């Protein structure tokens, strides 16, 4: 499909281009064989994608605690780990399971994840955020035998327990993160540094992956909007998926590698 400019402003043209790129990425993200050849050409993804050097994969829907999970786990170790992370794509999880890599999938209540994503990315509507939640979790669920699930609440309050499950499931020896206020403050500073590195030295309170009082008011408005009847069916589907992943987090299983339909 070719889009021709009709004399629109540069900002509108850039916005359209961004939407097209986002749509293409979402489409490709379901299929590893399509996703990786394309995304490896994008410079900013170079250090995020699975490679032959990858030791551990941490993925999840956006705003589910992914950044804290990566920063806290790295800080707790005595050496630099090689992560694949932050693509928020099913393809990354599916490829990791196929390769039998250690994988942590972080999940969050869909209401909290959706409104947080909309605050971070105003171009994303609540409807799209909910549909993306359904798409991501539905796509990776058939592969659940190959990864460990940690909930947002666990990762942000009792991460040591999640790391212990990772160690047991994949026979690792990762040092657990001790959840003290002092350690969390250090990690939040690391999170801010990660934000600066990704966004040209800036830290926006609506975007940074740590608590911020500035997001309270828009959060309340969006939570109220989610109670609108037009979102009812989408929220029900999201809730059902979230319950499935909560059950996986509560269960104790040993990942068995690639489980699910062939790609």
C-alpha atoms as a PDB file:
ATOM      1  CA  UNK A   1       0.000   0.000   0.000  1.00  0.00           C
ATOM      2  CA  UNK A   2       1.347   3.442  -0.986  1.00  0.00           C
ATOM      3  CA  UNK A   3       0.397   6.601   0.855  1.00  0.00           C
ATOM      4  CA  UNK A   4       0.588   9.846  -1.100  1.00  0.00           C
ATOM      5  CA  UNK A   5       0.881  13.206   0.583  1.00  0.00           C
ATOM      6  CA  UNK A   6      -2.015  15.550  -0.137  1.00  0.00           C
ATOM      7  CA  UNK A   7      -0.175  18.679   0.921  1.00  0.00           C
ATOM      8  CA  UNK A   8      -0.677  18.024   4.639  1.00  0.00           C
ATOM      9  CA  UNK A   9       1.523  19.530   7.301  1.00  0.00           C
ATOM     10  CA  UNK A  10       4.854  17.859   8.141  1.00  0.00           C
ATOM     11  CA  UNK A  11       3.527  16.982  11.602  1.00  0.00           C
ATOM     12  CA  UNK A  12       0.474  15.212  10.146  1.00  0.00           C
ATOM     13  CA  UNK A  13       2.652  13.369   7.646  1.00  0.00           C
ATOM     14  CA  UNK A  14       5.016  12.287  10.427  1.00  0.00           C
ATOM     15  CA  UNK A  15       2.057  11.176  12.544  1.00  0.00           C
ATOM     16  CA  UNK A  16       0.676   9.094   9.685  1.00  0.00           C
ATOM     17  CA  UNK A  17       4.085   7.529   9.080  1.00  0.00           C
ATOM     18  CA  UNK A  18       4.354   6.666  12.781  1.00  0.00           C
ATOM     19  CA  UNK A  19       0.929   5.009  12.723  1.00  0.00           C
ATOM     20  CA  UNK A  20       1.857   2.995   9.650  1.00  0.00           C
ATOM     21  CA  UNK A  21       5.109   1.822  11.253  1.00  0.00           C
ATOM     22  CA  UNK A  22       3.242   0.885  14.433  1.00  0.00           C
ATOM     23  CA  UNK A  23       0.617  -1.072  12.473  1.00  0.00           C
ATOM     24  CA  UNK A  24       3.265  -2.951  10.503  1.00  0.00           C
ATOM     25  CA  UNK A  25       5.208  -3.755  13.675  1.00  0.00           C
ATOM     26  CA  UNK A  26       2.068  -5.082  15.368  1.00  0.00           C
ATOM     27  CA  UNK A  27       1.269  -7.272  12.381  1.00  0.00           C
ATOM     28  CA  UNK A  28       4.791  -8.666  12.154  1.00  0.00           C
ATOM     29  CA  UNK A  29       5.067  -9.166  15.915  1.00  0.00           C
ATOM     30  CA  UNK A  30       2.879 -12.274  15.763  1.00  0.00           C
ATOM     31  CA  UNK A  31       5.332 -14.165  13.571  1.00  0.00           C
ATOM     32  CA  UNK A  32       9.016 -14.553  14.478  1.00  0.00           C
ATOM     33  CA  UNK A  33      10.064 -15.532  10.947  1.00  0.00           C
ATOM     34  CA  UNK A  34       8.748 -12.226   9.636  1.00  0.00           C
ATOM     35  CA  UNK A  35       9.464 -10.095  12.684  1.00  0.00           C
ATOM     36  CA  UNK A  36      13.190 -10.609  13.160  1.00  0.00           C
ATOM     37  CA  UNK A  37      14.445  -9.975   9.600  1.00  0.00           C
ATOM     38  CA  UNK A  38      12.559  -6.665   9.559  1.00  0.00           C
ATOM     39  CA  UNK A  39      13.243  -5.473  13.089  1.00  0.00           C
ATOM     40  CA  UNK A  40      16.961  -6.255  12.929  1.00  0.00           C
ATOM     41  CA  UNK A  41      17.184  -3.510  10.306  1.00  0.00           C
ATOM     42  CA  UNK A  42      15.976  -0.951  12.847  1.00  0.00           C
ATOM     43  CA  UNK A  43      18.931   0.382  14.780  1.00  0.00           C
ATOM     44  CA  UNK A  44      17.147   1.023  18.053  1.00  0.00           C
ATOM     45  CA  UNK A  45      16.129  -2.631  18.272  1.00  0.00           C
ATOM     46  CA  UNK A  46      19.668  -3.966  17.905  1.00  0.00           C
ATOM     47  CA  UNK A  47      20.217  -4.481  21.638  1.00  0.00           C
ATOM     48  CA  UNK A  48      16.634  -5.560  22.391  1.00  0.00           C
ATOM     49  CA  UNK A  49      16.207  -8.581  20.135  1.00  0.00           C
ATOM     50  CA  UNK A  50      17.222 -12.155  20.819  1.00  0.00           C
ATOM     51  CA  UNK A  51      20.676 -13.024  19.544  1.00  0.00           C
ATOM     52  CA  UNK A  52      23.123 -15.889  19.964  1.00  0.00           C
ATOM     53  CA  UNK A  53      24.477 -14.038  23.027  1.00  0.00           C
ATOM     54  CA  UNK A  54      21.140 -13.745  24.832  1.00  0.00           C
ATOM     55  CA  UNK A  55      21.119 -15.203  28.337  1.00  0.00           C
ATOM     56  CA  UNK A  56      17.687 -14.170  29.528  1.00  0.00           C
ATOM     57  CA  UNK A  57      14.483 -12.777  27.995  1.00  0.00           C
ATOM     58  CA  UNK A  58      12.114 -10.471  29.881  1.00  0.00           C
ATOM     59  CA  UNK A  59       8.994  -9.445  27.996  1.00  0.00           C
ATOM     60  CA  UNK A  60       5.443  -8.311  28.591  1.00  0.00           C
ATOM     61  CA  UNK A  61       2.738  -5.992  27.444  1.00  0.00           C
ATOM     62  CA  UNK A  62       3.853  -2.344  27.738  1.00  0.00           C
ATOM     63  CA  UNK A  63       3.621  -0.758  31.199  1.00  0.00           C
ATOM     64  CA  UNK A  64       3.533  -4.104  32.981  1.00  0.00           C
ATOM     65  CA  UNK A  65       6.700  -3.681  35.036  1.00  0.00           C
ATOM     66  CA  UNK A  66       9.149  -4.698  32.320  1.00  0.00           C
ATOM     67  CA  UNK A  67      11.677  -1.920  32.961  1.00  0.00           C
ATOM     68  CA  UNK A  68      11.742  -2.444  36.714  1.00  0.00           C
ATOM     69  CA  UNK A  69      12.133  -6.192  36.155  1.00  0.00           C
ATOM     70  CA  UNK A  70      15.152  -5.701  33.898  1.00  0.00           C
ATOM     71  CA  UNK A  71      16.805  -2.968  35.980  1.00  0.00           C
ATOM     72  CA  UNK A  72      16.356  -4.670  39.343  1.00  0.00           C
ATOM     73  CA  UNK A  73      17.538  -8.058  38.136  1.00  0.00           C
ATOM     74  CA  UNK A  74      20.611  -6.574  36.461  1.00  0.00           C
ATOM     75  CA  UNK A  75      21.496  -4.475  39.510  1.00  0.00           C
ATOM     76  CA  UNK A  76      21.314  -7.490  41.809  1.00  0.00           C
ATOM     77  CA  UNK A  77      23.847  -9.475  39.766  1.00  0.00           C
ATOM     78  CA  UNK A  78      27.602  -9.312  40.091  1.00  0.00           C
ATOM     79  CA  UNK A  79      28.114  -9.213  36.332  1.00  0.00           C
ATOM     80  CA  UNK A  80      26.491  -7.796  33.214  1.00  0.00           C
ATOM     81  CA  UNK A  81      23.692  -9.965  31.852  1.00  0.00           C
ATOM     82  CA  UNK A  82      22.761 -10.041  28.182  1.00  0.00           C
ATOM     83  CA  UNK A  83      19.006  -9.460  28.014  1.00  0.00           C
ATOM     84  CA  UNK A  84      16.494  -9.529  25.192  1.00  0.00           C
ATOM     85  CA  UNK A  85      13.738  -7.163  26.297  1.00  0.00           C
ATOM     86  CA  UNK A  86      11.266  -4.369  25.715  1.00  0.00           C
ATOM     87  CA  UNK A  87       9.981  -5.302  22.271  1.00  0.00           C
ATOM     88  CA  UNK A  88       6.534  -6.041  23.775  1.00  0.00           C
ATOM     89  CA  UNK A  89       6.023  -8.481  20.916  1.00  0.00           C
ATOM     90  CA  UNK A  90       4.677 -12.043  20.988  1.00  0.00           C
ATOM     91  CA  UNK A  91       7.393 -12.964  18.484  1.00  0.00           C
ATOM     92  CA  UNK A  92      10.123 -12.387  21.074  1.00  0.00           C
ATOM     93  CA  UNK A  93       8.447 -14.716  23.576  1.00  0.00           C
ATOM     94  CA  UNK A  94       7.726 -17.369  20.946  1.00  0.00           C
ATOM     95  CA  UNK A  95      11.305 -17.271  19.622  1.00  0.00           C
ATOM     96  CA  UNK A  96      12.717 -17.456  23.130  1.00  0.00           C
ATOM     97  CA  UNK A  97      10.640 -20.530  23.902  1.00  0.00           C
ATOM     98  CA  UNK A  98      11.665 -22.087  20.603  1.00  0.00           C
ATOM     99  CA  UNK A  99      15.308 -21.615  21.544  1.00  0.00           C
ATOM    100  CA  UNK A 100      14.644 -22.866  25.091  1.00  0.00           C
ATOM    101  CA  UNK A 101      15.997 -19.652  26.581  1.00  0.00           C
ATOM    102  CA  UNK A 102      15.099 -18.598  30.126  1.00  0.00           C
ATOM    103  CA  UNK A 103      12.028 -16.369  29.785  1.00  0.00           C
ATOM    104  CA  UNK A 104      10.140 -14.204  32.257  1.00  0.00           C
ATOM    105  CA  UNK A 105       6.787 -12.849  31.096  1.00  0.00           C
ATOM    106  CA  UNK A 106       5.532  -9.972  33.240  1.00  0.00           C
ATOM    107  CA  UNK A 107       1.764  -9.447  33.396  1.00  0.00           C
ATOM    108  CA  UNK A 108      -0.381  -6.663  34.833  1.00  0.00           C
ATOM    109  CA  UNK A 109      -4.069  -6.050  35.442  1.00  0.00           C
ATOM    110  CA  UNK A 110      -5.409  -4.923  32.045  1.00  0.00           C
ATOM    111  CA  UNK A 111      -7.058  -1.756  33.368  1.00  0.00           C
ATOM    112  CA  UNK A 112      -3.840  -0.531  34.943  1.00  0.00           C
ATOM    113  CA  UNK A 113      -1.729  -1.538  31.946  1.00  0.00           C
ATOM    114  CA  UNK A 114      -4.108   0.013  29.408  1.00  0.00           C
ATOM    115  CA  UNK A 115      -4.506   3.391  31.079  1.00  0.00           C
ATOM    116  CA  UNK A 116      -0.777   3.594  31.738  1.00  0.00           C
ATOM    117  CA  UNK A 117      -0.055   2.918  28.056  1.00  0.00           C
ATOM    118  CA  UNK A 118      -2.532   5.596  26.930  1.00  0.00           C
ATOM    119  CA  UNK A 119      -0.952   8.152  29.280  1.00  0.00           C
ATOM    120  CA  UNK A 120       2.471   7.287  27.924  1.00  0.00           C
ATOM    121  CA  UNK A 121       1.367   7.198  24.276  1.00  0.00           C
ATOM    122  CA  UNK A 122      -1.581   9.585  23.754  1.00  0.00           C
ATOM    123  CA  UNK A 123      -1.911   8.456  20.131  1.00  0.00           C
ATOM    124  CA  UNK A 124      -3.070   5.063  21.432  1.00  0.00           C
ATOM    125  CA  UNK A 125      -6.770   4.934  22.286  1.00  0.00           C
ATOM    126  CA  UNK A 126      -8.214   2.903  25.158  1.00  0.00           C
ATOM    127  CA  UNK A 127      -9.862   0.613  22.629  1.00  0.00           C
ATOM    128  CA  UNK A 128      -6.567  -0.046  20.858  1.00  0.00           C
ATOM    129  CA  UNK A 129      -4.750  -0.543  24.163  1.00  0.00           C
ATOM    130  CA  UNK A 130      -7.265  -3.208  25.211  1.00  0.00           C
ATOM    131  CA  UNK A 131      -7.129  -4.909  21.811  1.00  0.00           C
ATOM    132  CA  UNK A 132      -3.335  -4.973  21.990  1.00  0.00           C
ATOM    133  CA  UNK A 133      -3.560  -6.535  25.466  1.00  0.00           C
ATOM    134  CA  UNK A 134      -5.800  -9.290  24.104  1.00  0.00           C
ATOM    135  CA  UNK A 135      -3.601  -9.855  21.074  1.00  0.00           C
ATOM    136  CA  UNK A 136      -0.335 -10.070  23.021  1.00  0.00           C
ATOM    137  CA  UNK A 137      -1.553 -12.432  25.748  1.00  0.00           C
ATOM    138  CA  UNK A 138      -3.666 -14.607  23.458  1.00  0.00           C
ATOM    139  CA  UNK A 139      -0.726 -15.110  21.116  1.00  0.00           C
ATOM    140  CA  UNK A 140       1.780 -16.194  23.750  1.00  0.00           C
ATOM    141  CA  UNK A 141      -0.521 -18.274  25.955  1.00  0.00           C
ATOM    142  CA  UNK A 142      -0.150 -21.492  23.915  1.00  0.00           C
ATOM    143  CA  UNK A 143       3.590 -21.371  24.727  1.00  0.00           C
ATOM    144  CA  UNK A 144       3.152 -21.040  28.490  1.00  0.00           C
ATOM    145  CA  UNK A 145       4.967 -24.301  29.203  1.00  0.00           C
ATOM    146  CA  UNK A 146       8.168 -22.575  28.055  1.00  0.00           C
ATOM    147  CA  UNK A 147       8.264 -19.513  30.310  1.00  0.00           C
ATOM    148  CA  UNK A 148       7.793 -18.270  33.863  1.00  0.00           C
ATOM    149  CA  UNK A 149       5.116 -15.686  34.653  1.00  0.00           C
ATOM    150  CA  UNK A 150       5.537 -12.908  37.201  1.00  0.00           C
ATOM    151  CA  UNK A 151       2.749 -10.483  38.033  1.00  0.00           C
ATOM    152  CA  UNK A 152       3.305  -6.741  38.277  1.00  0.00           C
ATOM    153  CA  UNK A 153       2.550  -6.913  42.011  1.00  0.00           C
ATOM    154  CA  UNK A 154       5.151  -9.631  42.557  1.00  0.00           C
ATOM    155  CA  UNK A 155       7.846  -7.952  40.486  1.00  0.00           C
ATOM    156  CA  UNK A 156       7.382  -4.574  42.193  1.00  0.00           C
ATOM    157  CA  UNK A 157       7.017  -5.832  45.781  1.00  0.00           C
ATOM    158  CA  UNK A 158       8.511  -9.335  46.062  1.00  0.00           C
ATOM    159  CA  UNK A 159      10.768  -9.826  43.066  1.00  0.00           C
ATOM    160  CA  UNK A 160      12.996 -12.291  44.917  1.00  0.00           C
ATOM    161  CA  UNK A 161      10.189 -14.844  44.788  1.00  0.00           C
ATOM    162  CA  UNK A 162       9.878 -14.480  41.009  1.00  0.00           C
ATOM    163  CA  UNK A 163      13.649 -14.768  40.545  1.00  0.00           C
ATOM    164  CA  UNK A 164      13.615 -17.902  42.665  1.00  0.00           C
ATOM    165  CA  UNK A 165      11.017 -19.419  40.331  1.00  0.00           C
ATOM    166  CA  UNK A 166      13.212 -18.486  37.357  1.00  0.00           C
ATOM    167  CA  UNK A 167      16.208 -20.143  38.984  1.00  0.00           C
ATOM    168  CA  UNK A 168      14.276 -23.313  39.712  1.00  0.00           C
ATOM    169  CA  UNK A 169      12.582 -23.512  36.336  1.00  0.00           C
ATOM    170  CA  UNK A 170      15.679 -22.911  34.212  1.00  0.00           C
ATOM    171  CA  UNK A 171      18.387 -24.157  36.597  1.00  0.00           C
ATOM    172  CA  UNK A 172      19.909 -20.693  36.939  1.00  0.00           C
ATOM    173  CA  UNK A 173      21.808 -19.091  39.790  1.00  0.00           C
ATOM    174  CA  UNK A 174      20.579 -15.510  39.582  1.00  0.00           C
ATOM    175  CA  UNK A 175      21.008 -13.410  42.710  1.00  0.00           C
ATOM    176  CA  UNK A 176      17.572 -12.410  44.061  1.00  0.00           C
ATOM    177  CA  UNK A 177      16.691  -8.729  44.328  1.00  0.00           C
ATOM    178  CA  UNK A 178      16.103  -7.690  47.935  1.00  0.00           C
ATOM    179  CA  UNK A 179      13.046  -5.478  48.073  1.00  0.00           C
ATOM    180  CA  UNK A 180      14.097  -2.673  50.407  1.00  0.00           C
ATOM    181  CA  UNK A 181      13.226   1.002  50.001  1.00  0.00           C
ATOM    182  CA  UNK A 182      16.917   1.804  49.528  1.00  0.00           C
ATOM    183  CA  UNK A 183      17.347  -0.794  46.774  1.00  0.00           C
ATOM    184  CA  UNK A 184      14.176   0.362  45.031  1.00  0.00           C
ATOM    185  CA  UNK A 185      15.432   3.957  45.014  1.00  0.00           C
ATOM    186  CA  UNK A 186      18.635   2.815  43.340  1.00  0.00           C
ATOM    187  CA  UNK A 187      16.647   0.893  40.731  1.00  0.00           C
ATOM    188  CA  UNK A 188      14.358   3.870  40.046  1.00  0.00           C
ATOM    189  CA  UNK A 189      17.457   5.927  39.287  1.00  0.00           C
ATOM    190  CA  UNK A 190      18.606   3.215  36.900  1.00  0.00           C
ATOM    191  CA  UNK A 191      15.154   3.295  35.292  1.00  0.00           C
ATOM    192  CA  UNK A 192      15.520   7.050  34.790  1.00  0.00           C
ATOM    193  CA  UNK A 193      18.932   6.501  33.191  1.00  0.00           C
ATOM    194  CA  UNK A 194      17.379   3.938  30.843  1.00  0.00           C
ATOM    195  CA  UNK A 195      14.705   6.497  29.944  1.00  0.00           C
ATOM    196  CA  UNK A 196      17.319   9.154  29.187  1.00  0.00           C
ATOM    197  CA  UNK A 197      19.275   6.745  27.021  1.00  0.00           C
ATOM    198  CA  UNK A 198      16.163   5.843  25.035  1.00  0.00           C
ATOM    199  CA  UNK A 199      14.729   9.352  24.685  1.00  0.00           C
ATOM    200  CA  UNK A 200      17.601  11.732  24.003  1.00  0.00           C
ATOM    201  CA  UNK A 201      18.452  12.578  27.576  1.00  0.00           C
ATOM    202  CA  UNK A 202      14.941  13.460  28.752  1.00  0.00           C
ATOM    203  CA  UNK A 203      12.779  12.005  31.524  1.00  0.00           C
ATOM    204  CA  UNK A 204       9.058  12.690  31.079  1.00  0.00           C
ATOM    205  CA  UNK A 205       6.857  12.027  34.102  1.00  0.00           C
ATOM    206  CA  UNK A 206       4.058  10.748  31.865  1.00  0.00           C
ATOM    207  CA  UNK A 207       6.432   8.220  30.341  1.00  0.00           C
ATOM    208  CA  UNK A 208       9.074   7.110  32.833  1.00  0.00           C
ATOM    209  CA  UNK A 209       8.578   3.589  34.225  1.00  0.00           C
ATOM    210  CA  UNK A 210       8.416   4.440  37.918  1.00  0.00           C
ATOM    211  CA  UNK A 211       5.704   5.860  40.208  1.00  0.00           C
ATOM    212  CA  UNK A 212       4.716   9.471  39.485  1.00  0.00           C
ATOM    213  CA  UNK A 213       2.038  11.607  41.124  1.00  0.00           C
ATOM    214  CA  UNK A 214       1.621  13.552  37.875  1.00  0.00           C
ATOM    215  CA  UNK A 215      -0.120  10.531  36.329  1.00  0.00           C
ATOM    216  CA  UNK A 216      -2.771  10.299  39.070  1.00  0.00           C
ATOM    217  CA  UNK A 217      -5.327  12.672  37.538  1.00  0.00           C
ATOM    218  CA  UNK A 218      -5.264  11.294  33.969  1.00  0.00           C
ATOM    219  CA  UNK A 219      -5.286   7.791  35.467  1.00  0.00           C
ATOM    220  CA  UNK A 220      -8.512   8.529  37.343  1.00  0.00           C
ATOM    221  CA  UNK A 221     -10.169   9.889  34.194  1.00  0.00           C
ATOM    222  CA  UNK A 222      -9.142   6.887  32.131  1.00  0.00           C
ATOM    223  CA  UNK A 223     -10.216   4.403  34.793  1.00  0.00           C
ATOM    224  CA  UNK A 224     -13.630   6.068  34.799  1.00  0.00           C
ATOM    225  CA  UNK A 225     -13.761   5.874  31.001  1.00  0.00           C
ATOM    226  CA  UNK A 226     -12.995   2.149  31.135  1.00  0.00           C
ATOM    227  CA  UNK A 227     -16.275   1.629  32.964  1.00  0.00           C
ATOM    228  CA  UNK A 228     -18.067   2.904  29.871  1.00  0.00           C
ATOM    229  CA  UNK A 229     -20.261   0.143  28.498  1.00  0.00           C
ATOM    230  CA  UNK A 230     -18.661   0.299  25.063  1.00  0.00           C
ATOM    231  CA  UNK A 231     -15.484  -1.258  26.482  1.00  0.00           C
ATOM    232  CA  UNK A 232     -17.316  -3.999  28.354  1.00  0.00           C
ATOM    233  CA  UNK A 233     -16.628  -6.930  26.022  1.00  0.00           C
ATOM    234  CA  UNK A 234     -12.982  -5.987  25.551  1.00  0.00           C
ATOM    235  CA  UNK A 235     -12.442  -5.629  29.300  1.00  0.00           C
ATOM    236  CA  UNK A 236     -14.089  -9.015  29.904  1.00  0.00           C
ATOM    237  CA  UNK A 237     -11.732 -10.674  27.425  1.00  0.00           C
ATOM    238  CA  UNK A 238      -8.751  -8.922  29.009  1.00  0.00           C
ATOM    239  CA  UNK A 239      -9.820  -9.970  32.499  1.00  0.00           C
ATOM    240  CA  UNK A 240     -10.222 -13.586  31.419  1.00  0.00           C
ATOM    241  CA  UNK A 241      -6.710 -13.617  29.962  1.00  0.00           C
ATOM    242  CA  UNK A 242      -5.271 -11.953  33.042  1.00  0.00           C
ATOM    243  CA  UNK A 243      -6.819 -14.630  35.270  1.00  0.00           C
ATOM    244  CA  UNK A 244      -5.198 -17.306  33.122  1.00  0.00           C
ATOM    245  CA  UNK A 245      -1.778 -15.705  33.519  1.00  0.00           C
ATOM    246  CA  UNK A 246      -2.301 -15.162  37.246  1.00  0.00           C
ATOM    247  CA  UNK A 247      -2.931 -18.899  37.505  1.00  0.00           C
ATOM    248  CA  UNK A 248       0.305 -19.573  35.631  1.00  0.00           C
ATOM    249  CA  UNK A 249       2.192 -17.286  38.011  1.00  0.00           C
ATOM    250  CA  UNK A 250       0.753 -19.166  40.984  1.00  0.00           C
ATOM    251  CA  UNK A 251       1.564 -22.597  39.547  1.00  0.00           C
ATOM    252  CA  UNK A 252       4.897 -24.314  39.772  1.00  0.00           C
ATOM    253  CA  UNK A 253       6.049 -25.877  36.529  1.00  0.00           C
ATOM    254  CA  UNK A 254       9.298 -26.566  34.748  1.00  0.00           C
ATOM    255  CA  UNK A 255       9.412 -25.021  31.253  1.00  0.00           C
ATOM    256  CA  UNK A 256       9.658 -27.651  28.563  1.00  0.00           C
ATOM    257  CA  UNK A 257      10.709 -25.610  25.559  1.00  0.00           C
ATOM    258  CA  UNK A 258       8.604 -24.798  22.530  1.00  0.00           C
ATOM    259  CA  UNK A 259       4.980 -25.645  23.223  1.00  0.00           C
ATOM    260  CA  UNK A 260       2.295 -24.480  20.846  1.00  0.00           C
ATOM    261  CA  UNK A 261       1.521 -24.385  17.140  1.00  0.00           C
ATOM    262  CA  UNK A 262       4.372 -24.519  14.683  1.00  0.00           C
ATOM    263  CA  UNK A 263       5.409 -21.155  13.204  1.00  0.00           C
END
